[in-house]
Amino acid sequence: METTDAPIEVVVTRLAAAPEAVRASAGLLSDAERHRARRFAFDRDASRFIVARARLRQLLAARLGVRAQAVEFEYGAYGKPVLSRRFADSDLHFNVSHCDDVAAYAFSGGHAIGIDVEAVRETSDADNIAARYFSRLENATYRSLKPCHRSLGFFNCWTRKEAFIKAQGDGFGYPLDRFDVSLAPGEAARLLRVGDESGELCGWRMMSFSPAPGFVGAVVTEDNGGGAHGC
């Protein structure tokens, strides 16, 4: 994917793996990560976490020129993982999302980045969620869609908002009604507004993709070709 000044990479993988592959993946994890895996209530969820984190380590290691076991993480106030200070010179930014057995990884050199993927499905309380968490413009657009398009519109909006929040690194501490995204099926993924500024002027770029049949995804990254960051 091309931005104004640098490409970003998106890697998609399946998390389903045979038991021996899961055990091999666990060998790449830190003690803290293996402890976290043991806390999952269901073996399937633990296996997906192990494979997803091992794959992240492998992808980062290939870009950093180290062994997967040597990759070290730090975590922001809202839990977003970043490379430890040991790798500060690399200026490599990354983000991860997974849903069911689909995982997506985004990488950028020098720019904050966020990614989200979701399975498109019927959601019984979608209308209530949209009314509560979407901006007024987004909710109005969502409700204007034909019923057959609403599930896709809902998850277009959700992944795009989540990817932007993850790029910010603020978790859900960032007000969801402070920005608008496009969501109508067939419409390009765009930030329409951030704060009081047009989305085109706020130095962030949004892209959508389909990581697998029945799934939607979004990536947001800083883009120096836009205006000032943090509008």
Protein backbone atom coordinates (compact mmCIF):
# COMPACT_ATOMS: atom_id res chain seq x y z
CA MET A 1 0.00 0.00 0.00
CA GLU A 2 1.43 3.37 -1.03
CA THR A 3 1.24 6.52 1.08
CA THR A 4 2.47 9.93 0.01
CA ASP A 5 6.05 9.41 1.19
CA ALA A 6 6.52 5.73 2.10
CA PRO A 7 4.85 2.36 1.52
CA ILE A 8 3.31 0.33 4.30
CA GLU A 9 3.14 -3.43 4.45
CA VAL A 10 0.13 -5.52 5.37
CA VAL A 11 0.52 -9.25 5.99
CA VAL A 12 -2.49 -11.54 6.45
CA THR A 13 -2.32 -15.06 7.84
CA ARG A 14 -4.58 -17.79 9.15
CA LEU A 15 -4.21 -18.78 12.80
CA ALA A 16 -5.48 -22.35 12.54
CA ALA A 17 -2.53 -24.68 13.19
CA ALA A 18 -1.85 -28.30 14.10
CA PRO A 19 -0.90 -29.00 17.75
CA GLU A 20 2.76 -29.51 16.87
CA ALA A 21 2.85 -26.15 15.07
CA VAL A 22 1.29 -24.45 18.10
CA ARG A 23 3.95 -26.00 20.37
CA ALA A 24 6.70 -24.80 18.03
CA SER A 25 5.17 -21.32 18.00
CA ALA A 26 5.03 -21.26 21.80
CA GLY A 27 8.79 -21.77 21.83
CA LEU A 28 9.21 -18.34 20.22
CA LEU A 29 7.25 -16.51 22.92
CA SER A 30 8.49 -14.83 26.07
CA ASP A 31 7.61 -16.21 29.49
CA ALA A 32 5.06 -13.41 29.94
CA GLU A 33 3.40 -14.26 26.63
CA ARG A 34 3.20 -17.96 27.50
CA HIS A 35 1.70 -17.02 30.87
CA ARG A 36 -0.87 -14.89 29.10
CA ALA A 37 -1.74 -17.78 26.78
CA ARG A 38 -2.42 -20.04 29.76
CA ARG A 39 -5.01 -17.57 31.04
CA PHE A 40 -7.37 -18.14 28.11
CA ALA A 41 -10.44 -20.17 29.05
CA PHE A 42 -10.56 -22.08 25.75
CA ASP A 43 -7.72 -23.96 24.07
CA ARG A 44 -8.73 -22.59 20.66
CA ASP A 45 -8.28 -19.00 21.84
CA ALA A 46 -4.96 -19.81 23.49
CA SER A 47 -3.70 -21.47 20.29
CA ARG A 48 -4.73 -18.50 18.17
CA PHE A 49 -2.94 -16.11 20.51
CA ILE A 50 0.23 -18.22 20.48
CA VAL A 51 0.30 -18.49 16.67
CA ALA A 52 -0.55 -14.80 16.20
CA ARG A 53 2.16 -13.60 18.57
CA ALA A 54 4.77 -16.00 17.18
CA ARG A 55 3.99 -14.85 13.65
CA LEU A 56 4.35 -11.22 14.77
CA ARG A 57 7.74 -12.01 16.25
CA GLN A 58 8.84 -13.72 13.03
CA LEU A 59 7.70 -10.81 10.87
CA LEU A 60 9.40 -8.23 13.09
CA ALA A 61 12.57 -10.32 13.36
CA ALA A 62 12.84 -10.50 9.57
CA ARG A 63 12.67 -6.70 9.39
CA LEU A 64 15.02 -6.09 12.30
CA GLY A 65 17.62 -8.71 11.45
CA VAL A 66 17.34 -10.56 14.79
CA ARG A 67 15.98 -13.88 16.04
CA ALA A 68 12.26 -14.02 16.78
CA GLN A 69 12.98 -14.78 20.44
CA ALA A 70 15.08 -11.60 20.67
CA VAL A 71 12.22 -9.24 19.80
CA GLU A 72 11.21 -7.25 22.89
CA PHE A 73 8.02 -5.24 23.45
CA GLU A 74 6.89 -2.37 25.60
CA TYR A 75 3.27 -1.38 26.12
CA GLY A 76 1.57 2.00 26.09
CA ALA A 77 -0.93 3.24 28.65
CA TYR A 78 -3.75 1.61 26.69
CA GLY A 79 -1.92 -1.65 26.03
CA LYS A 80 -0.67 -0.98 22.50
CA PRO A 81 2.56 -2.95 21.97
CA VAL A 82 5.62 -1.20 20.55
CA LEU A 83 9.20 -2.29 20.09
CA SER A 84 11.40 -1.81 23.12
CA ARG A 85 13.91 1.04 23.30
CA ARG A 86 16.57 -1.42 22.22
CA PHE A 87 15.16 -1.17 18.68
CA ALA A 88 14.56 2.60 18.68
CA ASP A 89 16.99 3.15 15.80
CA SER A 90 14.88 0.99 13.49
CA ASP A 91 11.94 3.47 13.59
CA LEU A 92 9.70 0.50 12.73
CA HIS A 93 6.04 0.88 13.70
CA PHE A 94 3.55 -1.98 13.66
CA ASN A 95 0.04 -2.95 14.67
CA VAL A 96 -1.91 -6.21 14.81
CA SER A 97 -5.54 -7.29 14.62
CA HIS A 98 -7.19 -10.68 14.53
CA CYS A 99 -10.73 -11.98 14.31
CA ASP A 100 -11.63 -15.66 14.43
CA ASP A 101 -8.67 -17.36 12.72
CA VAL A 102 -7.67 -14.42 10.51
CA ALA A 103 -4.80 -12.16 11.62
CA ALA A 104 -3.50 -9.03 9.91
CA TYR A 105 -0.23 -7.22 10.60
CA ALA A 106 0.67 -3.71 9.44
CA PHE A 107 4.22 -2.29 9.28
CA SER A 108 5.44 1.24 8.61
CA GLY A 109 8.85 2.88 8.71
CA GLY A 110 8.67 6.07 10.73
CA HIS A 111 4.90 6.53 10.94
CA ALA A 112 2.32 5.53 13.55
CA ILE A 113 -0.05 2.89 12.20
CA GLY A 114 -3.25 1.09 13.19
CA ILE A 115 -5.08 -1.87 11.69
CA ASP A 116 -8.36 -3.66 12.36
CA VAL A 117 -10.15 -6.65 10.81
CA GLU A 118 -13.64 -8.01 11.44
CA ALA A 119 -15.91 -10.71 10.08
CA VAL A 120 -19.02 -9.24 8.45
CA ARG A 121 -22.03 -10.78 10.17
CA GLU A 122 -25.54 -10.00 11.35
CA THR A 123 -25.40 -8.24 14.71
CA SER A 124 -28.66 -8.03 16.63
CA ASP A 125 -27.74 -4.82 18.46
CA ALA A 126 -25.97 -3.12 15.55
CA ASP A 127 -28.49 -0.27 15.46
CA ASN A 128 -27.99 0.45 19.16
CA ILE A 129 -24.20 0.27 18.87
CA ALA A 130 -24.25 2.66 15.92
CA ALA A 131 -26.46 5.11 17.81
CA ARG A 132 -24.16 5.00 20.83
CA TYR A 133 -20.68 4.84 19.33
CA PHE A 134 -20.84 6.22 15.79
CA SER A 135 -20.72 9.96 15.17
CA ARG A 136 -23.95 11.69 14.18
CA LEU A 137 -22.92 11.74 10.52
CA GLU A 138 -21.88 8.07 10.59
CA ASN A 139 -25.09 7.00 12.30
CA ALA A 140 -27.20 8.94 9.81
CA THR A 141 -25.30 7.37 6.89
CA TYR A 142 -25.62 3.91 8.41
CA ARG A 143 -29.39 4.28 8.88
CA SER A 144 -29.79 5.50 5.30
CA LEU A 145 -28.40 2.23 3.91
CA LYS A 146 -30.66 -0.45 2.55
CA PRO A 147 -31.15 -3.25 5.12
CA CYS A 148 -29.13 -5.66 2.95
CA HIS A 149 -26.13 -3.31 3.08
CA ARG A 150 -26.21 -2.41 6.75
CA SER A 151 -24.02 -5.24 8.06
CA LEU A 152 -21.22 -4.33 5.66
CA GLY A 153 -21.69 -0.62 6.37
CA PHE A 154 -21.59 -1.26 10.10
CA PHE A 155 -18.31 -3.20 9.98
CA ASN A 156 -16.78 -0.79 7.47
CA CYS A 157 -17.37 1.94 10.04
CA TRP A 158 -16.25 -0.14 13.01
CA THR A 159 -12.95 -1.28 11.49
CA ARG A 160 -12.12 2.20 10.19
CA LYS A 161 -12.79 3.86 13.53
CA GLU A 162 -10.89 1.16 15.42
CA ALA A 163 -7.88 1.41 13.08
CA PHE A 164 -7.74 5.19 13.56
CA ILE A 165 -7.95 4.87 17.34
CA LYS A 166 -5.23 2.22 17.35
CA ALA A 167 -3.00 4.43 15.21
CA GLN A 168 -3.49 7.19 17.79
CA GLY A 169 -2.48 4.76 20.55
CA ASP A 170 -5.15 6.17 22.87
CA GLY A 171 -7.44 3.15 23.13
CA PHE A 172 -11.05 4.10 23.62
CA GLY A 173 -9.87 7.17 25.52
CA TYR A 174 -10.08 8.93 22.13
CA PRO A 175 -13.66 10.26 21.67
CA LEU A 176 -15.42 8.24 18.99
CA ASP A 177 -17.59 11.16 17.95
CA ARG A 178 -14.55 13.42 17.40
CA PHE A 179 -14.04 12.06 13.89
CA ASP A 180 -16.11 10.79 10.94
CA VAL A 181 -15.27 7.99 8.51
CA SER A 182 -16.88 6.85 5.28
CA LEU A 183 -18.80 3.60 5.57
CA ALA A 184 -21.17 3.06 2.63
CA PRO A 185 -20.42 -0.13 0.67
CA GLY A 186 -18.50 0.73 -2.49
CA GLU A 187 -17.32 4.08 -1.14
CA ALA A 188 -13.57 4.56 -0.68
CA ALA A 189 -12.29 4.42 2.89
CA ARG A 190 -11.69 7.99 4.05
CA LEU A 191 -11.40 10.11 7.13
CA LEU A 192 -14.06 12.77 6.56
CA ARG A 193 -13.40 14.86 9.67
CA VAL A 194 -11.01 14.89 12.60
CA GLY A 195 -11.96 17.40 15.25
CA ASP A 196 -12.75 20.68 13.50
CA GLU A 197 -10.68 19.91 10.42
CA SER A 198 -11.35 18.11 7.18
CA GLY A 199 -9.98 14.59 7.23
CA GLU A 200 -7.88 15.42 4.16
CA LEU A 201 -5.92 18.01 6.11
CA CYS A 202 -5.09 16.16 9.29
CA GLY A 203 -2.07 14.13 8.19
CA TRP A 204 -3.68 10.69 8.40
CA ARG A 205 -4.40 8.29 5.55
CA MET A 206 -7.01 5.52 5.63
CA MET A 207 -7.23 2.46 3.41
CA SER A 208 -9.55 -0.54 3.36
CA PHE A 209 -8.88 -4.12 2.32
CA SER A 210 -10.47 -7.58 2.50
CA PRO A 211 -8.18 -9.98 4.41
CA ALA A 212 -10.33 -13.02 3.55
CA PRO A 213 -13.77 -13.76 2.08
CA GLY A 214 -16.44 -12.40 4.43
CA PHE A 215 -14.00 -10.11 6.27
CA VAL A 216 -13.26 -6.39 6.05
CA GLY A 217 -10.21 -4.51 7.25
CA ALA A 218 -8.85 -1.00 7.52
CA VAL A 219 -5.41 0.56 7.93
CA VAL A 220 -4.66 4.09 9.14
CA THR A 221 -1.22 5.66 9.06
CA GLU A 222 0.38 9.05 9.36
CA ASP A 223 0.85 10.68 5.99
CA ASN A 224 3.28 13.57 5.70
CA GLY A 225 1.59 14.62 2.49
CA GLY A 226 -1.39 15.85 4.51
CA GLY A 227 -1.63 18.65 7.00
CA ALA A 228 -0.59 18.87 10.63
CA HIS A 229 -0.93 15.76 12.77
CA GLY A 230 -3.20 15.49 15.76
CA CYS A 231 -6.01 17.74 14.55
